Amino acid sequence: MSTDPYAWIEQSLATIHKTNWYRSVQTIEGLPGAIIQMAGRSLINFASNDYLGLAGDERLIQAAVAATQTYGTGSTGSRLLSGHRELHRELESAIAILKQTEAALVFSSGYLANLGTIAALVDKRDLILSDRYNHSCLKNGAILSSATIIEYPHSDILFLKTQLEQRDRYRRCLIMTDSVFSMDGDLCPLPELMNLATQFNCMLLIDEAHATGIFSNGAGCVEHFNLTGSPLIQVGTLSKALGSLGGYVAGSAALIDFLRNRAASWIYTTALSPADTAAAIVATSIIQQEPERRQQLWRNISYLKQLITQELPQLKLLPSESPIVSLQLADAATALKVGSQLKEAGIFAPAIRPPTVPTSRIRFSVMATHEPAHIEKLIETLCKISF
């Protein structure tokens, strides 16, 4: 028997390597965008969540610089102590206006927003019904809450209704779902979920991380499905289409006031930095004032799907209604091979493997700043790869 209490770590790493699940970072140099620099090479970037191309926008950069010069590099404390700045209030007001809710609360990341919100809303006396394909932050927020958790099959409304009909012994019930599922690209059946929440007197939390800035006028899937003003909890991130960092919760004034007093991941965390806050304020303005960015994004999505249908009908694409287009592959080894061949050809779209996803894939993220030639190069390269 080993006397080293850490010996299991090397054994676990060996297993990770053997199953082709091993991960390591890849350094991107310079500004983000449709073209990135990596190890001295220019690559077409199909792996970014910067859907509107704002992360490298000069207006966001200058806002971040100005905020740093005025307020410093860090917020120095939690919002309830020394960390609050007027910028935070401005951003929360801007998010509430964008989402058309009474109020909003900004967290230091989208992950923290979900952890804190879920754990504050329910506890061991309550029930959580969670889509099986929900993001890790939703799942871990549920675990942290100590509530009973039932994962329903992906977007299965009938199964969900059956569970709700049997929920009598629980005090509260929270249904939670991604609006855009981050690894497949499909949308949740939000109108049906809202109907069930109303019928069975449940809370409904929707994570708009991959929808904010993208759908309708930029407010996300709630607006897309004409459910603006409905009694639900909207969580999201500032780090994708908004090109910054941080998370938010948007909803009723009472909800936001409650979370200020009960969400541990907000109360006990240093406030979002001035630079990130200022950049996000500018981003919320841009996505409302420049709809042409969103329009160009959807043209690019349509063009990519059109070319795949025409040139590569044999490929197995997962159903998608978003900028996320996933090519399902047989196994992790195949995904790694395809990702490597794409990179050799000048395209960055790394393999996504278990345990992140149930089946291995290459996940293409479309951006507004992609040019037709970028998309055509991707299709041309895929046509040369043997699957």
Protein backbone atom coordinates (compact mmCIF):
# COMPACT_ATOMS: atom_id res chain seq x y z
CA MET A 1 0.00 0.00 0.00
CA SER A 2 1.35 3.44 -0.97
CA THR A 3 2.38 5.80 1.80
CA ASP A 4 1.88 8.82 -0.48
CA PRO A 5 -1.65 10.22 0.03
CA TYR A 6 -1.39 11.95 -3.35
CA ALA A 7 -0.38 8.92 -5.38
CA TRP A 8 -3.90 8.56 -6.75
CA ILE A 9 -3.51 11.82 -8.69
CA GLU A 10 -0.92 10.38 -11.09
CA GLN A 11 -3.08 7.30 -11.56
CA SER A 12 -6.09 9.45 -12.32
CA LEU A 13 -4.10 11.51 -14.84
CA ALA A 14 -3.02 8.30 -16.57
CA THR A 15 -6.66 7.28 -16.93
CA ILE A 16 -7.55 10.71 -18.33
CA HIS A 17 -4.79 10.38 -20.95
CA LYS A 18 -5.84 6.83 -21.84
CA THR A 19 -9.45 7.85 -22.53
CA ASN A 20 -8.39 10.87 -24.64
CA TRP A 21 -9.97 13.24 -22.12
CA TYR A 22 -6.75 15.09 -21.26
CA ARG A 23 -6.89 18.87 -21.67
CA SER A 24 -4.30 21.62 -21.82
CA VAL A 25 -4.39 25.32 -22.60
CA GLN A 26 -3.61 26.84 -26.00
CA THR A 27 -2.23 30.38 -25.89
CA ILE A 28 -3.88 33.02 -28.07
CA GLU A 29 -1.72 36.07 -28.76
CA GLY A 30 -2.98 39.60 -29.26
CA LEU A 31 -6.57 40.77 -29.66
CA PRO A 32 -9.51 38.37 -30.02
CA GLY A 33 -11.44 38.25 -33.26
CA ALA A 34 -12.35 36.21 -36.31
CA ILE A 35 -8.62 35.83 -36.99
CA ILE A 36 -6.35 35.00 -34.06
CA GLN A 37 -2.63 34.49 -33.60
CA MET A 38 -1.47 31.24 -32.04
CA ALA A 39 2.16 30.06 -31.87
CA GLY A 40 3.08 32.57 -34.57
CA ARG A 41 0.32 31.44 -36.95
CA SER A 42 -2.85 33.16 -38.10
CA LEU A 43 -5.91 30.97 -37.60
CA ILE A 44 -9.57 31.49 -38.47
CA ASN A 45 -11.31 31.40 -35.11
CA PHE A 46 -14.42 29.21 -34.85
CA ALA A 47 -14.05 28.60 -31.11
CA SER A 48 -15.02 31.94 -29.60
CA ASN A 49 -18.08 33.04 -27.62
CA ASP A 50 -17.45 36.62 -28.80
CA TYR A 51 -20.47 36.36 -31.08
CA LEU A 52 -20.73 40.06 -31.98
CA GLY A 53 -17.00 40.73 -32.10
CA LEU A 54 -17.08 43.20 -29.20
CA ALA A 55 -14.22 41.81 -27.10
CA GLY A 56 -11.69 43.60 -29.30
CA ASP A 57 -13.86 46.65 -30.03
CA GLU A 58 -11.95 49.89 -29.49
CA ARG A 59 -14.88 51.49 -27.67
CA LEU A 60 -14.91 48.77 -25.01
CA ILE A 61 -11.12 48.96 -24.71
CA GLN A 62 -11.15 52.73 -24.20
CA ALA A 63 -13.99 52.50 -21.66
CA ALA A 64 -11.99 49.91 -19.70
CA VAL A 65 -8.86 52.07 -19.81
CA ALA A 66 -10.73 55.17 -18.67
CA ALA A 67 -12.39 53.30 -15.81
CA THR A 68 -9.04 51.91 -14.68
CA GLN A 69 -7.51 55.39 -14.69
CA THR A 70 -10.43 56.74 -12.66
CA TYR A 71 -11.13 53.88 -10.25
CA GLY A 72 -7.99 51.71 -10.29
CA THR A 73 -7.49 48.10 -11.30
CA GLY A 74 -9.56 46.42 -8.60
CA SER A 75 -12.76 47.08 -6.68
CA THR A 76 -10.91 46.25 -3.40
CA GLY A 77 -13.79 44.56 -1.62
CA SER A 78 -17.28 43.13 -1.75
CA ARG A 79 -20.11 45.37 -2.89
CA LEU A 80 -21.54 45.61 0.64
CA LEU A 81 -18.20 46.81 2.05
CA SER A 82 -15.71 48.86 0.02
CA GLY A 83 -16.35 47.44 -3.46
CA HIS A 84 -19.38 49.34 -4.76
CA ARG A 85 -18.88 51.98 -7.47
CA GLU A 86 -21.37 54.09 -9.39
CA LEU A 87 -20.35 52.08 -12.47
CA HIS A 88 -21.93 48.97 -10.95
CA ARG A 89 -25.25 50.76 -10.52
CA GLU A 90 -25.07 52.06 -14.10
CA LEU A 91 -24.44 48.57 -15.45
CA GLU A 92 -27.29 47.05 -13.46
CA SER A 93 -29.61 49.74 -14.72
CA ALA A 94 -28.47 49.13 -18.31
CA ILE A 95 -29.06 45.38 -18.00
CA ALA A 96 -32.53 45.91 -16.52
CA ILE A 97 -33.40 48.20 -19.43
CA LEU A 98 -32.06 45.68 -21.97
CA LYS A 99 -33.91 42.77 -20.36
CA GLN A 100 -37.01 44.93 -19.61
CA THR A 101 -37.08 43.86 -15.97
CA GLU A 102 -37.55 45.89 -12.80
CA ALA A 103 -33.98 45.40 -11.63
CA ALA A 104 -30.72 43.51 -12.12
CA LEU A 105 -27.73 42.45 -10.03
CA VAL A 106 -24.18 42.06 -11.34
CA PHE A 107 -21.92 39.22 -10.16
CA SER A 108 -18.20 38.67 -10.76
CA SER A 109 -18.95 35.81 -13.20
CA GLY A 110 -21.91 34.04 -14.74
CA TYR A 111 -20.93 30.90 -12.83
CA LEU A 112 -21.14 32.79 -9.52
CA ALA A 113 -24.48 34.29 -10.54
CA ASN A 114 -26.00 30.84 -10.95
CA LEU A 115 -24.39 29.34 -7.83
CA GLY A 116 -25.53 32.19 -5.62
CA THR A 117 -29.01 32.59 -7.05
CA ILE A 118 -29.99 28.93 -7.00
CA ALA A 119 -28.61 28.32 -3.52
CA ALA A 120 -30.46 31.39 -2.23
CA LEU A 121 -33.83 30.44 -3.75
CA VAL A 122 -34.19 26.84 -2.58
CA ASP A 123 -32.91 24.51 0.14
CA LYS A 124 -33.33 20.94 1.41
CA ARG A 125 -37.10 21.37 1.72
CA ASP A 126 -37.47 22.13 -1.98
CA LEU A 127 -37.39 20.52 -5.43
CA ILE A 128 -35.28 21.44 -8.46
CA LEU A 129 -36.23 20.20 -11.92
CA SER A 130 -33.23 20.63 -14.20
CA ASP A 131 -32.71 19.88 -17.90
CA ARG A 132 -30.15 17.11 -18.31
CA TYR A 133 -28.11 19.24 -20.74
CA ASN A 134 -27.87 22.27 -18.45
CA HIS A 135 -24.51 23.93 -17.96
CA SER A 136 -22.24 22.90 -15.09
CA CYS A 137 -22.95 26.11 -13.14
CA LEU A 138 -26.67 25.32 -13.00
CA LYS A 139 -25.99 21.76 -11.92
CA ASN A 140 -23.51 22.78 -9.25
CA GLY A 141 -25.79 25.53 -7.99
CA ALA A 142 -28.46 22.88 -7.52
CA ILE A 143 -26.08 20.65 -5.56
CA LEU A 144 -24.99 23.58 -3.39
CA SER A 145 -28.62 24.38 -2.53
CA SER A 146 -29.19 20.91 -0.94
CA ALA A 147 -32.59 20.73 -2.66
CA THR A 148 -33.85 17.46 -4.13
CA ILE A 149 -32.74 17.41 -7.77
CA ILE A 150 -34.52 15.64 -10.61
CA GLU A 151 -32.91 15.90 -14.04
CA TYR A 152 -35.51 15.65 -16.78
CA PRO A 153 -34.64 14.29 -20.25
CA HIS A 154 -33.54 17.07 -22.55
CA SER A 155 -36.47 19.42 -23.28
CA ASP A 156 -38.97 16.68 -22.35
CA ILE A 157 -42.08 18.63 -21.37
CA LEU A 158 -44.24 15.54 -20.79
CA PHE A 159 -41.75 14.05 -18.32
CA LEU A 160 -41.47 17.40 -16.57
CA LYS A 161 -45.23 17.71 -16.23
CA THR A 162 -45.44 14.21 -14.73
CA GLN A 163 -42.87 15.18 -12.09
CA LEU A 164 -44.73 18.39 -11.27
CA GLU A 165 -47.94 16.47 -10.72
CA GLN A 166 -46.14 14.57 -7.93
CA ARG A 167 -44.41 17.48 -6.18
CA ASP A 168 -46.79 17.85 -3.21
CA ARG A 169 -44.29 17.06 -0.46
CA TYR A 170 -41.94 19.91 -1.43
CA ARG A 171 -42.26 23.48 -0.21
CA ARG A 172 -41.02 25.25 -3.32
CA CYS A 173 -40.16 24.11 -6.82
CA LEU A 174 -37.60 25.62 -9.18
CA ILE A 175 -37.48 24.69 -12.87
CA MET A 176 -34.19 25.68 -14.45
CA THR A 177 -32.82 25.54 -17.96
CA ASP A 178 -30.34 27.05 -20.38
CA SER A 179 -32.08 29.07 -23.07
CA VAL A 180 -29.43 28.19 -25.65
CA PHE A 181 -27.76 24.90 -24.81
CA SER A 182 -24.08 25.70 -25.06
CA MET A 183 -22.76 22.48 -26.56
CA ASP A 184 -25.60 21.64 -28.98
CA GLY A 185 -26.92 25.07 -29.95
CA ASP A 186 -30.62 24.25 -29.67
CA LEU A 187 -33.16 26.33 -27.73
CA CYS A 188 -35.22 25.30 -24.73
CA PRO A 189 -39.03 25.10 -25.16
CA LEU A 190 -39.48 28.26 -23.11
CA PRO A 191 -43.19 28.95 -23.76
CA GLU A 192 -44.09 25.42 -22.62
CA LEU A 193 -41.84 25.73 -19.58
CA MET A 194 -43.46 29.04 -18.68
CA ASN A 195 -46.91 27.49 -18.99
CA LEU A 196 -45.93 24.63 -16.66
CA ALA A 197 -44.40 27.04 -14.14
CA THR A 198 -47.62 29.05 -14.10
CA GLN A 199 -49.86 25.99 -13.92
CA PHE A 200 -47.95 24.38 -11.05
CA ASN A 201 -46.93 27.54 -9.18
CA CYS A 202 -43.19 27.05 -9.77
CA MET A 203 -40.27 29.41 -10.05
CA LEU A 204 -38.54 29.35 -13.45
CA LEU A 205 -34.86 30.23 -13.93
CA ILE A 206 -33.45 30.57 -17.43
CA ASP A 207 -29.75 30.99 -18.20
CA GLU A 208 -29.41 33.39 -21.13
CA ALA A 209 -25.60 33.16 -21.33
CA HIS A 210 -25.50 32.27 -25.03
CA ALA A 211 -28.63 34.23 -25.96
CA THR A 212 -28.06 37.72 -24.55
CA GLY A 213 -27.17 40.10 -27.36
CA ILE A 214 -28.04 37.52 -30.02
CA PHE A 215 -31.80 37.05 -30.20
CA SER A 216 -34.55 39.50 -31.12
CA ASN A 217 -33.41 43.00 -30.15
CA GLY A 218 -30.57 41.67 -28.05
CA ALA A 219 -32.46 40.80 -24.87
CA GLY A 220 -32.25 37.04 -25.49
CA CYS A 221 -34.67 34.14 -25.75
CA VAL A 222 -37.20 35.59 -23.32
CA GLU A 223 -37.77 38.41 -25.80
CA HIS A 224 -37.47 36.01 -28.77
CA PHE A 225 -40.39 33.96 -27.40
CA ASN A 226 -42.46 37.09 -26.58
CA LEU A 227 -42.29 36.41 -22.85
CA THR A 228 -40.92 39.77 -21.76
CA GLY A 229 -42.48 40.71 -18.44
CA SER A 230 -43.22 37.11 -17.45
CA PRO A 231 -42.49 36.13 -13.83
CA LEU A 232 -39.19 34.35 -14.30
CA ILE A 233 -35.55 34.69 -13.25
CA GLN A 234 -33.07 35.58 -15.97
CA VAL A 235 -29.40 34.80 -15.43
CA GLY A 236 -26.67 35.56 -17.91
CA THR A 237 -23.08 36.50 -18.57
CA LEU A 238 -21.21 39.58 -19.73
CA SER A 239 -18.37 37.50 -21.16
CA LYS A 240 -19.87 36.27 -24.42
CA ALA A 241 -21.74 38.60 -26.79
CA LEU A 242 -21.06 41.54 -24.45
CA GLY A 243 -17.30 41.04 -24.75
CA SER A 244 -16.42 41.66 -21.09
CA LEU A 245 -16.50 39.60 -17.88
CA GLY A 246 -19.08 39.00 -15.18
CA GLY A 247 -22.60 37.72 -14.72
CA TYR A 248 -26.02 39.10 -13.94
CA VAL A 249 -29.45 38.23 -12.62
CA ALA A 250 -32.45 40.18 -13.92
CA GLY A 251 -35.99 40.04 -12.55
CA SER A 252 -38.35 41.68 -10.12
CA ALA A 253 -37.16 44.35 -7.70
CA ALA A 254 -38.05 42.05 -4.79
CA LEU A 255 -35.96 39.19 -6.23
CA ILE A 256 -32.92 41.42 -6.68
CA ASP A 257 -33.26 42.91 -3.21
CA PHE A 258 -33.51 39.40 -1.76
CA LEU A 259 -30.38 38.24 -3.60
CA ARG A 260 -28.39 41.22 -2.32
CA ASN A 261 -29.08 39.88 1.15
CA ARG A 262 -28.90 36.13 0.56
CA ALA A 263 -26.70 35.26 -2.44
CA ALA A 264 -23.41 34.21 -0.84
CA SER A 265 -21.47 34.34 -4.12
CA TRP A 266 -22.37 38.04 -4.38
CA ILE A 267 -22.10 39.02 -0.72
CA TYR A 268 -18.70 37.41 -0.07
CA THR A 269 -16.96 38.08 -3.41
CA THR A 270 -14.95 41.11 -4.51
CA ALA A 271 -17.00 43.30 -6.82
CA LEU A 272 -16.53 43.20 -10.58
CA SER A 273 -13.50 45.26 -11.63
CA PRO A 274 -14.04 48.83 -12.91
CA ALA A 275 -12.61 47.91 -16.31
CA ASP A 276 -14.94 44.96 -16.86
CA THR A 277 -17.92 46.95 -15.62
CA ALA A 278 -17.26 49.92 -17.89
CA ALA A 279 -16.70 47.70 -20.93
CA ALA A 280 -20.00 45.91 -20.31
CA ILE A 281 -21.89 49.21 -20.04
CA VAL A 282 -20.65 50.22 -23.48
CA ALA A 283 -21.47 46.76 -24.87
CA THR A 284 -25.10 46.91 -23.72
CA SER A 285 -25.43 50.20 -25.57
CA ILE A 286 -23.80 48.90 -28.75
CA ILE A 287 -25.99 45.80 -29.03
CA GLN A 288 -29.09 48.03 -28.89
CA GLN A 289 -27.80 50.78 -31.17
CA GLU A 290 -26.12 48.58 -33.80
CA PRO A 291 -28.58 45.82 -34.80
CA GLU A 292 -26.57 45.36 -37.99
CA ARG A 293 -24.04 43.36 -35.97
CA ARG A 294 -26.73 40.86 -34.99
CA GLN A 295 -28.08 40.82 -38.54
CA GLN A 296 -24.64 40.01 -39.93
CA LEU A 297 -24.23 37.23 -37.37
CA TRP A 298 -27.45 35.56 -38.49
CA ARG A 299 -26.46 35.91 -42.15
CA ASN A 300 -23.20 34.11 -41.34
CA ILE A 301 -25.03 31.35 -39.46
CA SER A 302 -27.38 30.85 -42.39
CA TYR A 303 -24.51 30.80 -44.89
CA LEU A 304 -22.56 28.18 -42.92
CA LYS A 305 -25.58 25.89 -42.60
CA GLN A 306 -26.42 26.35 -46.28
CA LEU A 307 -22.91 25.34 -47.38
CA ILE A 308 -22.84 22.33 -45.07
CA THR A 309 -26.18 21.14 -46.45
CA GLN A 310 -24.97 21.59 -50.03
CA GLU A 311 -21.39 20.34 -49.75
CA LEU A 312 -21.35 17.98 -46.77
CA PRO A 313 -24.80 16.43 -46.38
CA GLN A 314 -23.23 13.30 -44.86
CA LEU A 315 -22.07 15.13 -41.73
CA LYS A 316 -24.06 14.64 -38.54
CA LEU A 317 -24.90 18.08 -37.22
CA LEU A 318 -26.74 18.44 -33.94
CA PRO A 319 -29.99 20.46 -34.18
CA SER A 320 -29.17 24.14 -33.67
CA GLU A 321 -31.03 27.46 -33.74
CA SER A 322 -28.10 29.60 -32.62
CA PRO A 323 -24.51 30.58 -33.52
CA ILE A 324 -23.37 27.21 -32.10
CA VAL A 325 -23.08 24.53 -34.79
CA SER A 326 -21.83 21.15 -33.52
CA LEU A 327 -20.50 18.32 -35.66
CA GLN A 328 -21.03 15.05 -33.81
CA LEU A 329 -18.23 12.50 -34.12
CA ALA A 330 -17.79 8.85 -33.22
CA ASP A 331 -15.44 9.21 -30.28
CA ALA A 332 -12.88 11.40 -28.53
CA ALA A 333 -9.98 10.14 -30.65
CA THR A 334 -11.81 11.07 -33.87
CA ALA A 335 -12.68 14.51 -32.49
CA LEU A 336 -9.05 15.14 -31.55
CA LYS A 337 -7.91 14.05 -35.02
CA VAL A 338 -10.41 16.31 -36.81
CA GLY A 339 -9.56 19.26 -34.55
CA SER A 340 -5.86 18.74 -35.30
CA GLN A 341 -6.45 18.56 -39.07
CA LEU A 342 -8.52 21.75 -38.96
CA LYS A 343 -5.74 23.53 -37.07
CA GLU A 344 -3.13 22.36 -39.58
CA ALA A 345 -5.30 23.91 -42.30
CA GLY A 346 -5.51 27.23 -40.42
CA ILE A 347 -8.81 26.83 -38.58
CA PHE A 348 -9.16 26.87 -34.79
CA ALA A 349 -12.07 24.68 -33.67
CA PRO A 350 -10.84 22.31 -30.95
CA ALA A 351 -12.44 19.02 -29.99
CA ILE A 352 -15.11 18.96 -27.28
CA ARG A 353 -15.09 15.65 -25.42
CA PRO A 354 -16.62 13.88 -22.43
CA PRO A 355 -17.15 14.56 -19.61
CA THR A 356 -17.98 18.07 -20.87
CA VAL A 357 -20.45 16.56 -23.35
CA PRO A 358 -22.06 13.11 -23.63
CA THR A 359 -20.76 12.60 -27.19
CA SER A 360 -17.56 13.94 -28.77
CA ARG A 361 -17.82 16.73 -31.30
CA ILE A 362 -16.28 19.74 -33.00
CA ARG A 363 -18.19 22.84 -31.95
CA PHE A 364 -18.16 25.73 -34.42
CA SER A 365 -19.05 29.15 -33.00
CA VAL A 366 -20.08 31.68 -35.63
CA MET A 367 -19.25 35.37 -35.19
CA ALA A 368 -20.60 38.53 -36.78
CA THR A 369 -17.04 39.38 -37.78
CA HIS A 370 -16.54 36.23 -39.83
CA GLU A 371 -16.27 37.00 -43.54
CA PRO A 372 -17.77 34.75 -46.23
CA ALA A 373 -14.24 33.65 -47.15
CA HIS A 374 -13.69 32.39 -43.59
CA ILE A 375 -16.79 30.21 -43.76
CA GLU A 376 -15.90 28.97 -47.25
CA LYS A 377 -12.41 28.04 -46.04
CA LEU A 378 -13.97 25.98 -43.22
CA ILE A 379 -16.21 24.10 -45.67
CA GLU A 380 -13.34 23.55 -48.09
CA THR A 381 -11.23 22.08 -45.29
CA LEU A 382 -14.01 19.84 -43.99
CA CYS A 383 -14.51 18.46 -47.51
CA LYS A 384 -10.88 17.25 -47.46
CA ILE A 385 -11.10 15.49 -44.10
CA SER A 386 -11.88 11.79 -43.92
CA PHE A 387 -14.40 11.15 -41.15
